[in-house]
Amino acid sequence: MQPQTWEHIEAEKMSNLITRQMLNGKESTVARIFLARGAVVPRHAHVNEQFSWVLSGALKFTFDDGEVTVGAGEFLLIPPNVPHAAVALEDTWDVDFFAPRREDWIRKDDAYLRK
């Protein structure tokens, strides 16, 4: 067990507007994501419970039953298997926590983010 800093975690360019860093434990994934203004995370769903914590900026999430904007310092819990999409209303730093861990991200089987 050693402390980590984001500065030492590989940054993966997902698209021209989205960059992701992630750490995986045995049962969970934590990721720091930069979304430039206008970045879109297309509609998708996953078996993982997701906490999204917006550090700076703002994300507008769209669900089947409506929209919610999450601003700096706010958290959002997305239950498993709930379809959702997001758009960055401004340059945004976000930390996402998933349980169980994101096996699709580990396998790089996340084409919906790589556009």
PDB file of N, CA and C in Angstrom:
ATOM      1  N   MET A   1       0.856  -1.175   0.000  1.00  0.00           N
ATOM      2  CA  MET A   1       0.000   0.000   0.000  1.00  0.00           C
ATOM      3  C   MET A   1       0.896   1.231   0.000  1.00  0.00           C
ATOM      4  N   GLN A   2       0.741   2.012  -1.062  1.00  0.00           N
ATOM      5  CA  GLN A   2       1.507   3.240  -1.215  1.00  0.00           C
ATOM      6  C   GLN A   2       0.563   4.365  -1.635  1.00  0.00           C
ATOM      7  N   PRO A   3       0.799   5.579  -1.128  1.00  0.00           N
ATOM      8  CA  PRO A   3      -0.019   6.716  -1.575  1.00  0.00           C
ATOM      9  C   PRO A   3       0.195   6.967  -3.071  1.00  0.00           C
ATOM     10  N   GLN A   4      -0.825   7.491  -3.715  1.00  0.00           N
ATOM     11  CA  GLN A   4      -0.781   7.831  -5.133  1.00  0.00           C
ATOM     12  C   GLN A   4      -1.146   9.298  -5.320  1.00  0.00           C
ATOM     13  N   THR A   5      -0.690   9.870  -6.410  1.00  0.00           N
ATOM     14  CA  THR A   5      -1.152  11.198  -6.824  1.00  0.00           C
ATOM     15  C   THR A   5      -1.582  11.096  -8.285  1.00  0.00           C
ATOM     16  N   TRP A   6      -2.538  11.914  -8.671  1.00  0.00           N
ATOM     17  CA  TRP A   6      -3.008  11.889 -10.057  1.00  0.00           C
ATOM     18  C   TRP A   6      -1.883  12.244 -11.021  1.00  0.00           C
ATOM     19  N   GLU A   7      -0.925  13.041 -10.576  1.00  0.00           N
ATOM     20  CA  GLU A   7       0.170  13.446 -11.460  1.00  0.00           C
ATOM     21  C   GLU A   7       1.001  12.256 -11.929  1.00  0.00           C
ATOM     22  N   HIS A   8       0.939  11.142 -11.212  1.00  0.00           N
ATOM     23  CA  HIS A   8       1.710   9.954 -11.584  1.00  0.00           C
ATOM     24  C   HIS A   8       0.866   8.867 -12.256  1.00  0.00           C
ATOM     25  N   ILE A   9      -0.391   9.160 -12.515  1.00  0.00           N
ATOM     26  CA  ILE A   9      -1.286   8.210 -13.164  1.00  0.00           C
ATOM     27  C   ILE A   9      -1.397   8.565 -14.644  1.00  0.00           C
ATOM     28  N   GLU A  10      -1.250   7.570 -15.494  1.00  0.00           N
ATOM     29  CA  GLU A  10      -1.311   7.791 -16.937  1.00  0.00           C
ATOM     30  C   GLU A  10      -2.616   8.471 -17.340  1.00  0.00           C
ATOM     31  N   ALA A  11      -2.498   9.490 -18.189  1.00  0.00           N
ATOM     32  CA  ALA A  11      -3.672  10.176 -18.748  1.00  0.00           C
ATOM     33  C   ALA A  11      -3.962   9.579 -20.123  1.00  0.00           C
ATOM     34  N   GLU A  12      -5.177   9.097 -20.296  1.00  0.00           N
ATOM     35  CA  GLU A  12      -5.592   8.462 -21.539  1.00  0.00           C
ATOM     36  C   GLU A  12      -6.532   9.402 -22.290  1.00  0.00           C
ATOM     37  N   LYS A  13      -6.128   9.811 -23.488  1.00  0.00           N
ATOM     38  CA  LYS A  13      -6.965  10.694 -24.300  1.00  0.00           C
ATOM     39  C   LYS A  13      -8.051   9.857 -24.959  1.00  0.00           C
ATOM     40  N   MET A  14      -9.290  10.073 -24.539  1.00  0.00           N
ATOM     41  CA  MET A  14     -10.415   9.312 -25.053  1.00  0.00           C
ATOM     42  C   MET A  14     -10.943   9.905 -26.360  1.00  0.00           C
ATOM     43  N   SER A  15     -10.887  11.239 -26.457  1.00  0.00           N
ATOM     44  CA  SER A  15     -11.326  11.973 -27.643  1.00  0.00           C
ATOM     45  C   SER A  15     -10.623  13.323 -27.585  1.00  0.00           C
ATOM     46  N   ASN A  16     -10.952  14.184 -28.516  1.00  0.00           N
ATOM     47  CA  ASN A  16     -10.364  15.529 -28.493  1.00  0.00           C
ATOM     48  C   ASN A  16     -10.811  16.330 -27.282  1.00  0.00           C
ATOM     49  N   LEU A  17     -11.912  15.917 -26.628  1.00  0.00           N
ATOM     50  CA  LEU A  17     -12.483  16.695 -25.531  1.00  0.00           C
ATOM     51  C   LEU A  17     -12.482  15.980 -24.183  1.00  0.00           C
ATOM     52  N   ILE A  18     -12.105  14.701 -24.158  1.00  0.00           N
ATOM     53  CA  ILE A  18     -12.175  13.924 -22.910  1.00  0.00           C
ATOM     54  C   ILE A  18     -10.851  13.216 -22.650  1.00  0.00           C
ATOM     55  N   THR A  19     -10.318  13.407 -21.437  1.00  0.00           N
ATOM     56  CA  THR A  19      -9.110  12.710 -20.989  1.00  0.00           C
ATOM     57  C   THR A  19      -9.421  12.040 -19.663  1.00  0.00           C
ATOM     58  N   ARG A  20      -8.934  10.791 -19.501  1.00  0.00           N
ATOM     59  CA  ARG A  20      -9.266  10.014 -18.311  1.00  0.00           C
ATOM     60  C   ARG A  20      -8.003   9.442 -17.666  1.00  0.00           C
ATOM     61  N   GLN A  21      -8.013   9.449 -16.343  1.00  0.00           N
ATOM     62  CA  GLN A  21      -7.026   8.728 -15.548  1.00  0.00           C
ATOM     63  C   GLN A  21      -7.818   7.791 -14.649  1.00  0.00           C
ATOM     64  N   MET A  22      -7.289   6.572 -14.411  1.00  0.00           N
ATOM     65  CA  MET A  22      -8.046   5.668 -13.550  1.00  0.00           C
ATOM     66  C   MET A  22      -7.127   4.764 -12.749  1.00  0.00           C
ATOM     67  N   LEU A  23      -7.657   4.372 -11.608  1.00  0.00           N
ATOM     68  CA  LEU A  23      -7.029   3.381 -10.741  1.00  0.00           C
ATOM     69  C   LEU A  23      -8.060   2.304 -10.467  1.00  0.00           C
ATOM     70  N   ASN A  24      -7.608   1.056 -10.450  1.00  0.00           N
ATOM     71  CA  ASN A  24      -8.504  -0.061 -10.218  1.00  0.00           C
ATOM     72  C   ASN A  24      -8.047  -0.864  -9.017  1.00  0.00           C
ATOM     73  N   GLY A  25      -8.989  -1.129  -8.124  1.00  0.00           N
ATOM     74  CA  GLY A  25      -8.754  -2.045  -7.029  1.00  0.00           C
ATOM     75  C   GLY A  25      -9.355  -3.382  -7.390  1.00  0.00           C
ATOM     76  N   LYS A  26      -9.399  -4.263  -6.441  1.00  0.00           N
ATOM     77  CA  LYS A  26      -9.975  -5.582  -6.686  1.00  0.00           C
ATOM     78  C   LYS A  26     -11.474  -5.497  -6.948  1.00  0.00           C
ATOM     79  N   GLU A  27     -12.151  -4.553  -6.285  1.00  0.00           N
ATOM     80  CA  GLU A  27     -13.618  -4.462  -6.360  1.00  0.00           C
ATOM     81  C   GLU A  27     -14.152  -3.121  -6.864  1.00  0.00           C
ATOM     82  N   SER A  28     -13.277  -2.155  -7.172  1.00  0.00           N
ATOM     83  CA  SER A  28     -13.766  -0.823  -7.526  1.00  0.00           C
ATOM     84  C   SER A  28     -12.812  -0.120  -8.481  1.00  0.00           C
ATOM     85  N   THR A  29     -13.329   0.927  -9.105  1.00  0.00           N
ATOM     86  CA  THR A  29     -12.560   1.796  -9.995  1.00  0.00           C
ATOM     87  C   THR A  29     -12.805   3.237  -9.581  1.00  0.00           C
ATOM     88  N   VAL A  30     -11.741   4.023  -9.559  1.00  0.00           N
ATOM     89  CA  VAL A  30     -11.872   5.466  -9.385  1.00  0.00           C
ATOM     90  C   VAL A  30     -11.185   6.117 -10.584  1.00  0.00           C
ATOM     91  N   ALA A  31     -11.814   7.157 -11.131  1.00  0.00           N
ATOM     92  CA  ALA A  31     -11.270   7.825 -12.311  1.00  0.00           C
ATOM     93  C   ALA A  31     -11.393   9.330 -12.158  1.00  0.00           C
ATOM     94  N   ARG A  32     -10.361  10.030 -12.608  1.00  0.00           N
ATOM     95  CA  ARG A  32     -10.422  11.486 -12.723  1.00  0.00           C
ATOM     96  C   ARG A  32     -10.524  11.776 -14.207  1.00  0.00           C
ATOM     97  N   ILE A  33     -11.541  12.541 -14.561  1.00  0.00           N
ATOM     98  CA  ILE A  33     -11.843  12.778 -15.973  1.00  0.00           C
ATOM     99  C   ILE A  33     -11.908  14.277 -16.230  1.00  0.00           C
ATOM    100  N   PHE A  34     -11.218  14.712 -17.291  1.00  0.00           N
ATOM    101  CA  PHE A  34     -11.347  16.089 -17.754  1.00  0.00           C
ATOM    102  C   PHE A  34     -12.236  16.080 -18.980  1.00  0.00           C
ATOM    103  N   LEU A  35     -13.295  16.900 -18.933  1.00  0.00           N
ATOM    104  CA  LEU A  35     -14.207  17.054 -20.062  1.00  0.00           C
ATOM    105  C   LEU A  35     -14.201  18.525 -20.463  1.00  0.00           C
ATOM    106  N   ALA A  36     -13.704  18.815 -21.649  1.00  0.00           N
ATOM    107  CA  ALA A  36     -13.721  20.191 -22.141  1.00  0.00           C
ATOM    108  C   ALA A  36     -15.162  20.598 -22.437  1.00  0.00           C
ATOM    109  N   ARG A  37     -15.419  21.895 -22.354  1.00  0.00           N
ATOM    110  CA  ARG A  37     -16.763  22.413 -22.632  1.00  0.00           C
ATOM    111  C   ARG A  37     -17.285  21.820 -23.949  1.00  0.00           C
ATOM    112  N   GLY A  38     -18.503  21.300 -23.904  1.00  0.00           N
ATOM    113  CA  GLY A  38     -19.120  20.709 -25.086  1.00  0.00           C
ATOM    114  C   GLY A  38     -18.884  19.215 -25.241  1.00  0.00           C
ATOM    115  N   ALA A  39     -18.023  18.639 -24.416  1.00  0.00           N
ATOM    116  CA  ALA A  39     -17.778  17.191 -24.489  1.00  0.00           C
ATOM    117  C   ALA A  39     -19.072  16.439 -24.190  1.00  0.00           C
ATOM    118  N   VAL A  40     -19.301  15.372 -24.934  1.00  0.00           N
ATOM    119  CA  VAL A  40     -20.506  14.568 -24.763  1.00  0.00           C
ATOM    120  C   VAL A  40     -20.116  13.141 -24.395  1.00  0.00           C
ATOM    121  N   VAL A  41     -20.729  12.642 -23.331  1.00  0.00           N
ATOM    122  CA  VAL A  41     -20.659  11.219 -23.000  1.00  0.00           C
ATOM    123  C   VAL A  41     -21.980  10.639 -23.485  1.00  0.00           C
ATOM    124  N   PRO A  42     -21.944   9.856 -24.565  1.00  0.00           N
ATOM    125  CA  PRO A  42     -23.195   9.346 -25.143  1.00  0.00           C
ATOM    126  C   PRO A  42     -23.975   8.463 -24.170  1.00  0.00           C
ATOM    127  N   ARG A  43     -25.252   8.326 -24.454  1.00  0.00           N
ATOM    128  CA  ARG A  43     -26.134   7.485 -23.637  1.00  0.00           C
ATOM    129  C   ARG A  43     -25.556   6.075 -23.541  1.00  0.00           C
ATOM    130  N   HIS A  44     -25.531   5.577 -22.321  1.00  0.00           N
ATOM    131  CA  HIS A  44     -25.026   4.233 -22.048  1.00  0.00           C
ATOM    132  C   HIS A  44     -25.550   3.796 -20.686  1.00  0.00           C
ATOM    133  N   ALA A  45     -25.329   2.559 -20.355  1.00  0.00           N
ATOM    134  CA  ALA A  45     -25.664   2.027 -19.033  1.00  0.00           C
ATOM    135  C   ALA A  45     -24.614   0.978 -18.694  1.00  0.00           C
ATOM    136  N   HIS A  46     -24.467   0.688 -17.416  1.00  0.00           N
ATOM    137  CA  HIS A  46     -23.497  -0.304 -16.968  1.00  0.00           C
ATOM    138  C   HIS A  46     -23.981  -0.925 -15.668  1.00  0.00           C
ATOM    139  N   VAL A  47     -23.420  -2.084 -15.366  1.00  0.00           N
ATOM    140  CA  VAL A  47     -23.820  -2.813 -14.166  1.00  0.00           C
ATOM    141  C   VAL A  47     -23.272  -2.188 -12.897  1.00  0.00           C
ATOM    142  N   ASN A  48     -22.399  -1.203 -13.045  1.00  0.00           N
ATOM    143  CA  ASN A  48     -21.722  -0.590 -11.912  1.00  0.00           C
ATOM    144  C   ASN A  48     -22.540   0.533 -11.291  1.00  0.00           C
ATOM    145  N   GLU A  49     -22.545   0.595  -9.969  1.00  0.00           N
ATOM    146  CA  GLU A  49     -23.031   1.777  -9.273  1.00  0.00           C
ATOM    147  C   GLU A  49     -21.979   2.863  -9.490  1.00  0.00           C
ATOM    148  N   GLN A  50     -22.417   4.099  -9.713  1.00  0.00           N
ATOM    149  CA  GLN A  50     -21.494   5.182 -10.035  1.00  0.00           C
ATOM    150  C   GLN A  50     -21.762   6.400  -9.163  1.00  0.00           C
ATOM    151  N   PHE A  51     -20.714   6.895  -8.522  1.00  0.00           N
ATOM    152  CA  PHE A  51     -20.753   8.204  -7.885  1.00  0.00           C
ATOM    153  C   PHE A  51     -19.962   9.151  -8.772  1.00  0.00           C
ATOM    154  N   SER A  52     -20.550  10.263  -9.186  1.00  0.00           N
ATOM    155  CA  SER A  52     -19.841  11.304  -9.919  1.00  0.00           C
ATOM    156  C   SER A  52     -19.718  12.520  -9.021  1.00  0.00           C
ATOM    157  N   TRP A  53     -18.505  12.995  -8.862  1.00  0.00           N
ATOM    158  CA  TRP A  53     -18.199  14.156  -8.024  1.00  0.00           C
ATOM    159  C   TRP A  53     -17.545  15.202  -8.916  1.00  0.00           C
ATOM    160  N   VAL A  54     -18.224  16.293  -9.146  1.00  0.00           N
ATOM    161  CA  VAL A  54     -17.697  17.362  -9.988  1.00  0.00           C
ATOM    162  C   VAL A  54     -16.810  18.257  -9.126  1.00  0.00           C
ATOM    163  N   LEU A  55     -15.524  18.277  -9.472  1.00  0.00           N
ATOM    164  CA  LEU A  55     -14.563  19.107  -8.730  1.00  0.00           C
ATOM    165  C   LEU A  55     -14.637  20.563  -9.172  1.00  0.00           C
ATOM    166  N   SER A  56     -14.754  20.768 -10.485  1.00  0.00           N
ATOM    167  CA  SER A  56     -14.889  22.117 -11.040  1.00  0.00           C
ATOM    168  C   SER A  56     -15.660  22.005 -12.339  1.00  0.00           C
ATOM    169  N   GLY A  57     -16.348  23.070 -12.706  1.00  0.00           N
ATOM    170  CA  GLY A  57     -17.148  23.053 -13.914  1.00  0.00           C
ATOM    171  C   GLY A  57     -18.558  22.570 -13.638  1.00  0.00           C
ATOM    172  N   ALA A  58     -19.201  21.998 -14.661  1.00  0.00           N
ATOM    173  CA  ALA A  58     -20.579  21.522 -14.528  1.00  0.00           C
ATOM    174  C   ALA A  58     -20.875  20.495 -15.603  1.00  0.00           C
ATOM    175  N   LEU A  59     -21.591  19.446 -15.200  1.00  0.00           N
ATOM    176  CA  LEU A  59     -22.050  18.410 -16.117  1.00  0.00           C
ATOM    177  C   LEU A  59     -23.568  18.348 -16.074  1.00  0.00           C
ATOM    178  N   LYS A  60     -24.188  18.269 -17.250  1.00  0.00           N
ATOM    179  CA  LYS A  60     -25.630  18.049 -17.333  1.00  0.00           C
ATOM    180  C   LYS A  60     -25.846  16.592 -17.711  1.00  0.00           C
ATOM    181  N   PHE A  61     -26.473  15.842 -16.795  1.00  0.00           N
ATOM    182  CA  PHE A  61     -26.788  14.440 -17.012  1.00  0.00           C
ATOM    183  C   PHE A  61     -28.217  14.331 -17.522  1.00  0.00           C
ATOM    184  N   THR A  62     -28.428  13.438 -18.487  1.00  0.00           N
ATOM    185  CA  THR A  62     -29.758  13.174 -19.017  1.00  0.00           C
ATOM    186  C   THR A  62     -30.127  11.728 -18.709  1.00  0.00           C
ATOM    187  N   PHE A  63     -31.316  11.566 -18.112  1.00  0.00           N
ATOM    188  CA  PHE A  63     -31.867  10.258 -17.774  1.00  0.00           C
ATOM    189  C   PHE A  63     -33.204  10.115 -18.488  1.00  0.00           C
ATOM    190  N   ASP A  64     -33.755   8.921 -18.492  1.00  0.00           N
ATOM    191  CA  ASP A  64     -35.045   8.704 -19.146  1.00  0.00           C
ATOM    192  C   ASP A  64     -36.141   9.583 -18.553  1.00  0.00           C
ATOM    193  N   ASP A  65     -36.018   9.922 -17.266  1.00  0.00           N
ATOM    194  CA  ASP A  65     -37.061  10.710 -16.605  1.00  0.00           C
ATOM    195  C   ASP A  65     -36.691  12.170 -16.384  1.00  0.00           C
ATOM    196  N   GLY A  66     -35.627  12.650 -17.036  1.00  0.00           N
ATOM    197  CA  GLY A  66     -35.299  14.066 -16.912  1.00  0.00           C
ATOM    198  C   GLY A  66     -33.804  14.339 -16.926  1.00  0.00           C
ATOM    199  N   GLU A  67     -33.470  15.583 -16.573  1.00  0.00           N
ATOM    200  CA  GLU A  67     -32.083  16.042 -16.574  1.00  0.00           C
ATOM    201  C   GLU A  67     -31.726  16.589 -15.204  1.00  0.00           C
ATOM    202  N   VAL A  68     -30.430  16.532 -14.895  1.00  0.00           N
ATOM    203  CA  VAL A  68     -29.929  17.130 -13.662  1.00  0.00           C
ATOM    204  C   VAL A  68     -28.544  17.700 -13.956  1.00  0.00           C
ATOM    205  N   THR A  69     -28.320  18.926 -13.494  1.00  0.00           N
ATOM    206  CA  THR A  69     -27.011  19.555 -13.639  1.00  0.00           C
ATOM    207  C   THR A  69     -26.271  19.435 -12.319  1.00  0.00           C
ATOM    208  N   VAL A  70     -25.028  18.975 -12.404  1.00  0.00           N
ATOM    209  CA  VAL A  70     -24.180  18.787 -11.232  1.00  0.00           C
ATOM    210  C   VAL A  70     -23.028  19.774 -11.342  1.00  0.00           C
ATOM    211  N   GLY A  71     -22.920  20.661 -10.351  1.00  0.00           N
ATOM    212  CA  GLY A  71     -21.892  21.691 -10.363  1.00  0.00           C
ATOM    213  C   GLY A  71     -20.747  21.372  -9.430  1.00  0.00           C
ATOM    214  N   ALA A  72     -19.780  22.269  -9.408  1.00  0.00           N
ATOM    215  CA  ALA A  72     -18.575  22.095  -8.607  1.00  0.00           C
ATOM    216  C   ALA A  72     -18.915  21.798  -7.151  1.00  0.00           C
ATOM    217  N   GLY A  73     -18.307  20.739  -6.614  1.00  0.00           N
ATOM    218  CA  GLY A  73     -18.521  20.345  -5.228  1.00  0.00           C
ATOM    219  C   GLY A  73     -19.715  19.440  -5.005  1.00  0.00           C
ATOM    220  N   GLU A  74     -20.474  19.153  -6.047  1.00  0.00           N
ATOM    221  CA  GLU A  74     -21.668  18.318  -5.900  1.00  0.00           C
ATOM    222  C   GLU A  74     -21.402  16.882  -6.366  1.00  0.00           C
ATOM    223  N   PHE A  75     -22.148  15.948  -5.759  1.00  0.00           N
ATOM    224  CA  PHE A  75     -22.087  14.522  -6.084  1.00  0.00           C
ATOM    225  C   PHE A  75     -23.400  14.088  -6.718  1.00  0.00           C
ATOM    226  N   LEU A  76     -23.326  13.034  -7.503  1.00  0.00           N
ATOM    227  CA  LEU A  76     -24.515  12.405  -8.060  1.00  0.00           C
ATOM    228  C   LEU A  76     -24.308  10.898  -7.988  1.00  0.00           C
ATOM    229  N   LEU A  77     -25.301  10.178  -7.478  1.00  0.00           N
ATOM    230  CA  LEU A  77     -25.277   8.720  -7.468  1.00  0.00           C
ATOM    231  C   LEU A  77     -26.137   8.215  -8.609  1.00  0.00           C
ATOM    232  N   ILE A  78     -25.544   7.386  -9.464  1.00  0.00           N
ATOM    233  CA  ILE A  78     -26.263   6.760 -10.562  1.00  0.00           C
ATOM    234  C   ILE A  78     -26.342   5.265 -10.245  1.00  0.00           C
ATOM    235  N   PRO A  79     -27.551   4.747 -10.038  1.00  0.00           N
ATOM    236  CA  PRO A  79     -27.693   3.326  -9.725  1.00  0.00           C
ATOM    237  C   PRO A  79     -27.265   2.433 -10.899  1.00  0.00           C
ATOM    238  N   PRO A  80     -26.999   1.160 -10.631  1.00  0.00           N
ATOM    239  CA  PRO A  80     -26.647   0.234 -11.709  1.00  0.00           C
ATOM    240  C   PRO A  80     -27.747   0.146 -12.767  1.00  0.00           C
ATOM    241  N   ASN A  81     -27.321  -0.046 -14.009  1.00  0.00           N
ATOM    242  CA  ASN A  81     -28.206  -0.313 -15.150  1.00  0.00           C
ATOM    243  C   ASN A  81     -29.155   0.825 -15.505  1.00  0.00           C
ATOM    244  N   VAL A  82     -28.877   2.041 -15.069  1.00  0.00           N
ATOM    245  CA  VAL A  82     -29.705   3.195 -15.409  1.00  0.00           C
ATOM    246  C   VAL A  82     -29.082   3.902 -16.618  1.00  0.00           C
ATOM    247  N   PRO A  83     -29.781   3.937 -17.760  1.00  0.00           N
ATOM    248  CA  PRO A  83     -29.244   4.630 -18.927  1.00  0.00           C
ATOM    249  C   PRO A  83     -29.058   6.121 -18.641  1.00  0.00           C
ATOM    250  N   HIS A  84     -27.928   6.661 -19.101  1.00  0.00           N
ATOM    251  CA  HIS A  84     -27.642   8.068 -18.887  1.00  0.00           C
ATOM    252  C   HIS A  84     -26.656   8.577 -19.928  1.00  0.00           C
ATOM    253  N   ALA A  85     -26.650   9.889 -20.086  1.00  0.00           N
ATOM    254  CA  ALA A  85     -25.708  10.593 -20.949  1.00  0.00           C
ATOM    255  C   ALA A  85     -25.291  11.845 -20.199  1.00  0.00           C
ATOM    256  N   ALA A  86     -24.226  12.493 -20.673  1.00  0.00           N
ATOM    257  CA  ALA A  86     -23.785  13.728 -20.017  1.00  0.00           C
ATOM    258  C   ALA A  86     -23.162  14.653 -21.043  1.00  0.00           C
ATOM    259  N   VAL A  87     -23.227  15.952 -20.741  1.00  0.00           N
ATOM    260  CA  VAL A  87     -22.550  16.959 -21.545  1.00  0.00           C
ATOM    261  C   VAL A  87     -21.874  17.940 -20.591  1.00  0.00           C
ATOM    262  N   ALA A  88     -20.658  18.347 -20.954  1.00  0.00           N
ATOM    263  CA  ALA A  88     -19.923  19.321 -20.147  1.00  0.00           C
ATOM    264  C   ALA A  88     -20.392  20.725 -20.522  1.00  0.00           C
ATOM    265  N   LEU A  89     -20.988  21.417 -19.564  1.00  0.00           N
ATOM    266  CA  LEU A  89     -21.480  22.779 -19.800  1.00  0.00           C
ATOM    267  C   LEU A  89     -20.345  23.786 -19.785  1.00  0.00           C
ATOM    268  N   GLU A  90     -19.228  23.405 -19.190  1.00  0.00           N
ATOM    269  CA  GLU A  90     -17.998  24.196 -19.177  1.00  0.00           C
ATOM    270  C   GLU A  90     -16.851  23.224 -18.976  1.00  0.00           C
ATOM    271  N   ASP A  91     -15.616  23.694 -19.070  1.00  0.00           N
ATOM    272  CA  ASP A  91     -14.489  22.811 -18.788  1.00  0.00           C
ATOM    273  C   ASP A  91     -14.683  22.222 -17.396  1.00  0.00           C
ATOM    274  N   THR A  92     -14.590  20.902 -17.282  1.00  0.00           N
ATOM    275  CA  THR A  92     -14.984  20.209 -16.049  1.00  0.00           C
ATOM    276  C   THR A  92     -13.961  19.154 -15.654  1.00  0.00           C
ATOM    277  N   TRP A  93     -13.628  19.140 -14.367  1.00  0.00           N
ATOM    278  CA  TRP A  93     -12.881  18.045 -13.740  1.00  0.00           C
ATOM    279  C   TRP A  93     -13.875  17.266 -12.893  1.00  0.00           C
ATOM    280  N   ASP A  94     -13.908  15.963 -13.101  1.00  0.00           N
ATOM    281  CA  ASP A  94     -14.873  15.086 -12.450  1.00  0.00           C
ATOM    282  C   ASP A  94     -14.138  13.869 -11.899  1.00  0.00           C
ATOM    283  N   VAL A  95     -14.531  13.401 -10.729  1.00  0.00           N
ATOM    284  CA  VAL A  95     -14.033  12.136 -10.194  1.00  0.00           C
ATOM    285  C   VAL A  95     -15.211  11.178 -10.130  1.00  0.00           C
ATOM    286  N   ASP A  96     -15.054  10.024 -10.775  1.00  0.00           N
ATOM    287  CA  ASP A  96     -16.092   8.995 -10.767  1.00  0.00           C
ATOM    288  C   ASP A  96     -15.590   7.783  -9.998  1.00  0.00           C
ATOM    289  N   PHE A  97     -16.456   7.236  -9.161  1.00  0.00           N
ATOM    290  CA  PHE A  97     -16.159   6.024  -8.405  1.00  0.00           C
ATOM    291  C   PHE A  97     -17.174   4.968  -8.808  1.00  0.00           C
ATOM    292  N   PHE A  98     -16.694   3.771  -9.129  1.00  0.00           N
ATOM    293  CA  PHE A  98     -17.562   2.684  -9.582  1.00  0.00           C
ATOM    294  C   PHE A  98     -17.347   1.435  -8.743  1.00  0.00           C
ATOM    295  N   ALA A  99     -18.430   0.751  -8.451  1.00  0.00           N
ATOM    296  CA  ALA A  99     -18.371  -0.565  -7.826  1.00  0.00           C
ATOM    297  C   ALA A  99     -19.465  -1.414  -8.453  1.00  0.00           C
ATOM    298  N   PRO A 100     -19.166  -2.637  -8.914  1.00  0.00           N
ATOM    299  CA  PRO A 100     -17.820  -3.185  -8.995  1.00  0.00           C
ATOM    300  C   PRO A 100     -16.968  -2.425 -10.002  1.00  0.00           C
ATOM    301  N   ARG A 101     -15.697  -2.803 -10.111  1.00  0.00           N
ATOM    302  CA  ARG A 101     -14.787  -2.062 -10.978  1.00  0.00           C
ATOM    303  C   ARG A 101     -15.203  -2.159 -12.441  1.00  0.00           C
ATOM    304  N   ARG A 102     -14.727  -1.202 -13.240  1.00  0.00           N
ATOM    305  CA  ARG A 102     -15.107  -1.100 -14.651  1.00  0.00           C
ATOM    306  C   ARG A 102     -14.262  -2.021 -15.519  1.00  0.00           C
ATOM    307  N   GLU A 103     -14.679  -3.267 -15.609  1.00  0.00           N
ATOM    308  CA  GLU A 103     -13.944  -4.241 -16.420  1.00  0.00           C
ATOM    309  C   GLU A 103     -13.891  -3.820 -17.886  1.00  0.00           C
ATOM    310  N   ASP A 104     -14.961  -3.168 -18.392  1.00  0.00           N
ATOM    311  CA  ASP A 104     -14.951  -2.712 -19.787  1.00  0.00           C
ATOM    312  C   ASP A 104     -13.867  -1.668 -20.015  1.00  0.00           C
ATOM    313  N   TRP A 105     -13.655  -0.772 -19.049  1.00  0.00           N
ATOM    314  CA  TRP A 105     -12.595   0.227 -19.170  1.00  0.00           C
ATOM    315  C   TRP A 105     -11.227  -0.431 -19.120  1.00  0.00           C
ATOM    316  N   ILE A 106     -11.062  -1.396 -18.254  1.00  0.00           N
ATOM    317  CA  ILE A 106      -9.781  -2.095 -18.127  1.00  0.00           C
ATOM    318  C   ILE A 106      -9.444  -2.802 -19.440  1.00  0.00           C
ATOM    319  N   ARG A 107     -10.439  -3.412 -20.076  1.00  0.00           N
ATOM    320  CA  ARG A 107     -10.250  -4.103 -21.360  1.00  0.00           C
ATOM    321  C   ARG A 107     -10.173  -3.124 -22.533  1.00  0.00           C
ATOM    322  N   LYS A 108     -10.441  -1.849 -22.268  1.00  0.00           N
ATOM    323  CA  LYS A 108     -10.523  -0.816 -23.311  1.00  0.00           C
ATOM    324  C   LYS A 108     -11.677  -1.100 -24.273  1.00  0.00           C
ATOM    325  N   ASP A 109     -12.742  -1.675 -23.715  1.00  0.00           N
ATOM    326  CA  ASP A 109     -13.956  -1.991 -24.462  1.00  0.00           C
ATOM    327  C   ASP A 109     -15.009  -0.921 -24.143  1.00  0.00           C
ATOM    328  N   ASP A 110     -14.621   0.328 -24.339  1.00  0.00           N
ATOM    329  CA  ASP A 110     -15.456   1.481 -23.988  1.00  0.00           C
ATOM    330  C   ASP A 110     -15.544   2.443 -25.174  1.00  0.00           C
ATOM    331  N   ALA A 111     -15.914   1.899 -26.327  1.00  0.00           N
ATOM    332  CA  ALA A 111     -15.942   2.666 -27.565  1.00  0.00           C
ATOM    333  C   ALA A 111     -16.840   3.895 -27.472  1.00  0.00           C
ATOM    334  N   TYR A 112     -17.875   3.861 -26.632  1.00  0.00           N
ATOM    335  CA  TYR A 112     -18.779   5.003 -26.530  1.00  0.00           C
ATOM    336  C   TYR A 112     -18.039   6.257 -26.055  1.00  0.00           C
ATOM    337  N   LEU A 113     -16.920   6.112 -25.357  1.00  0.00           N
ATOM    338  CA  LEU A 113     -16.127   7.274 -24.922  1.00  0.00           C
ATOM    339  C   LEU A 113     -15.030   7.661 -25.907  1.00  0.00           C
ATOM    340  N   ARG A 114     -14.705   6.789 -26.825  1.00  0.00           N
ATOM    341  CA  ARG A 114     -13.561   6.975 -27.716  1.00  0.00           C
ATOM    342  C   ARG A 114     -13.992   7.505 -29.077  1.00  0.00           C
ATOM    343  N   LYS A 115     -14.640   8.657 -29.094  1.00  0.00           N
ATOM    344  CA  LYS A 115     -15.106   9.241 -30.351  1.00  0.00           C
ATOM    345  C   LYS A 115     -14.571  10.629 -30.537  1.00  0.00           C
TER     346      LYS A 115
END
